[in-house]
Amino acid sequence: MISSKGQIVLPAEFRQVDQIEPGQEFDVERLDRGDYRLVRRTAPRNEGAIEWLLACPHKDFVLHVESESTDTL
């Protein structure tokens, strides 16, 4: 079904079987006139890493390492 905003609504059964969560993004590929395919976008491997690190209960877990500028090499 297409909503009045042009959004595609997937049946609950599909979302449950394929573990589709709200906010997941898909690309729409046009195969032919009236024939389309939805392809789930894969998240980058490090997506959410910053939020995960910021949520760490142990603060000061990052150590500053003295280093030289690459300009001196």
C-alpha atoms as a PDB file:
ATOM      1  CA  MET A   1       0.000   0.000   0.000  1.00  0.00           C
ATOM      2  CA  ILE A   2       1.179   3.563  -0.702  1.00  0.00           C
ATOM      3  CA  SER A   3       0.306   6.206   1.883  1.00  0.00           C
ATOM      4  CA  SER A   4      -0.920   9.698   1.009  1.00  0.00           C
ATOM      5  CA  LYS A   5       2.683  10.856   1.625  1.00  0.00           C
ATOM      6  CA  GLY A   6       4.034   8.404  -0.960  1.00  0.00           C
ATOM      7  CA  GLN A   7       5.389   6.047   1.681  1.00  0.00           C
ATOM      8  CA  ILE A   8       5.341   2.296   1.124  1.00  0.00           C
ATOM      9  CA  VAL A   9       3.675   0.327   3.899  1.00  0.00           C
ATOM     10  CA  LEU A  10       4.956  -3.215   4.416  1.00  0.00           C
ATOM     11  CA  PRO A  11       2.626  -5.785   6.002  1.00  0.00           C
ATOM     12  CA  ALA A  12       3.421  -6.611   9.637  1.00  0.00           C
ATOM     13  CA  GLU A  13       4.090 -10.243   8.689  1.00  0.00           C
ATOM     14  CA  PHE A  14       6.902  -9.193   6.324  1.00  0.00           C
ATOM     15  CA  ARG A  15       8.394  -6.824   8.900  1.00  0.00           C
ATOM     16  CA  GLN A  16       8.375  -9.532  11.564  1.00  0.00           C
ATOM     17  CA  VAL A  17       9.810 -12.336   9.417  1.00  0.00           C
ATOM     18  CA  ASP A  18      12.552 -10.130   7.971  1.00  0.00           C
ATOM     19  CA  GLN A  19      13.254  -8.269  11.244  1.00  0.00           C
ATOM     20  CA  ILE A  20      12.548  -4.865   9.709  1.00  0.00           C
ATOM     21  CA  GLU A  21      12.650  -2.109  12.300  1.00  0.00           C
ATOM     22  CA  PRO A  22      11.230   1.423  12.091  1.00  0.00           C
ATOM     23  CA  GLY A  23      13.774   3.779  10.558  1.00  0.00           C
ATOM     24  CA  GLN A  24      15.489   1.183   8.387  1.00  0.00           C
ATOM     25  CA  GLU A  25      16.014   2.492   4.881  1.00  0.00           C
ATOM     26  CA  PHE A  26      15.390   0.864   1.531  1.00  0.00           C
ATOM     27  CA  ASP A  27      16.241   1.721  -2.046  1.00  0.00           C
ATOM     28  CA  VAL A  28      13.582   1.307  -4.704  1.00  0.00           C
ATOM     29  CA  GLU A  29      14.797  -0.137  -7.987  1.00  0.00           C
ATOM     30  CA  ARG A  30      12.606   0.212 -11.063  1.00  0.00           C
ATOM     31  CA  LEU A  31      12.739  -3.062 -12.966  1.00  0.00           C
ATOM     32  CA  ASP A  32      10.085  -2.264 -15.564  1.00  0.00           C
ATOM     33  CA  ARG A  33       6.939  -0.203 -15.912  1.00  0.00           C
ATOM     34  CA  GLY A  34       4.901  -0.977 -12.779  1.00  0.00           C
ATOM     35  CA  ASP A  35       7.495  -3.468 -11.522  1.00  0.00           C
ATOM     36  CA  TYR A  36       9.724  -2.412  -8.618  1.00  0.00           C
ATOM     37  CA  ARG A  37      12.034  -4.014  -6.089  1.00  0.00           C
ATOM     38  CA  LEU A  38      12.806  -2.879  -2.541  1.00  0.00           C
ATOM     39  CA  VAL A  39      16.394  -3.424  -1.409  1.00  0.00           C
ATOM     40  CA  ARG A  40      17.282  -2.942   2.250  1.00  0.00           C
ATOM     41  CA  ARG A  41      20.233  -0.624   2.692  1.00  0.00           C
ATOM     42  CA  THR A  42      23.011  -2.120   4.730  1.00  0.00           C
ATOM     43  CA  ALA A  43      24.325   0.075   7.495  1.00  0.00           C
ATOM     44  CA  PRO A  44      28.018   0.944   7.462  1.00  0.00           C
ATOM     45  CA  ARG A  45      29.978  -1.374   9.751  1.00  0.00           C
ATOM     46  CA  ASN A  46      30.731   1.406  12.221  1.00  0.00           C
ATOM     47  CA  GLU A  47      27.257   2.953  12.288  1.00  0.00           C
ATOM     48  CA  GLY A  48      26.351   3.687  15.881  1.00  0.00           C
ATOM     49  CA  ALA A  49      29.951   3.429  17.117  1.00  0.00           C
ATOM     50  CA  ILE A  50      30.075   7.038  18.368  1.00  0.00           C
ATOM     51  CA  GLU A  51      26.807   6.669  20.273  1.00  0.00           C
ATOM     52  CA  TRP A  52      28.037   3.390  21.709  1.00  0.00           C
ATOM     53  CA  LEU A  53      31.304   4.966  22.886  1.00  0.00           C
ATOM     54  CA  LEU A  54      29.540   8.004  24.332  1.00  0.00           C
ATOM     55  CA  ALA A  55      27.200   5.700  26.255  1.00  0.00           C
ATOM     56  CA  CYS A  56      30.144   3.927  27.885  1.00  0.00           C
ATOM     57  CA  PRO A  57      29.757   4.082  31.670  1.00  0.00           C
ATOM     58  CA  HIS A  58      33.535   4.425  32.121  1.00  0.00           C
ATOM     59  CA  LYS A  59      34.538   7.925  31.194  1.00  0.00           C
ATOM     60  CA  ASP A  60      38.173   8.818  30.527  1.00  0.00           C
ATOM     61  CA  PHE A  61      38.639   5.562  28.630  1.00  0.00           C
ATOM     62  CA  VAL A  62      40.413   7.401  25.820  1.00  0.00           C
ATOM     63  CA  LEU A  63      44.085   8.054  26.422  1.00  0.00           C
ATOM     64  CA  HIS A  64      45.854  10.912  24.683  1.00  0.00           C
ATOM     65  CA  VAL A  65      48.971   9.697  22.900  1.00  0.00           C
ATOM     66  CA  GLU A  66      51.766  12.136  22.180  1.00  0.00           C
ATOM     67  CA  SER A  67      52.707  12.079  18.529  1.00  0.00           C
ATOM     68  CA  GLU A  68      54.592  14.085  15.982  1.00  0.00           C
ATOM     69  CA  SER A  69      53.116  15.768  12.967  1.00  0.00           C
ATOM     70  CA  THR A  70      53.538  13.925   9.696  1.00  0.00           C
ATOM     71  CA  ASP A  71      55.056  17.168   8.382  1.00  0.00           C
ATOM     72  CA  THR A  72      58.292  16.312  10.241  1.00  0.00           C
ATOM     73  CA  LEU A  73      58.690  12.911   8.617  1.00  0.00           C
END
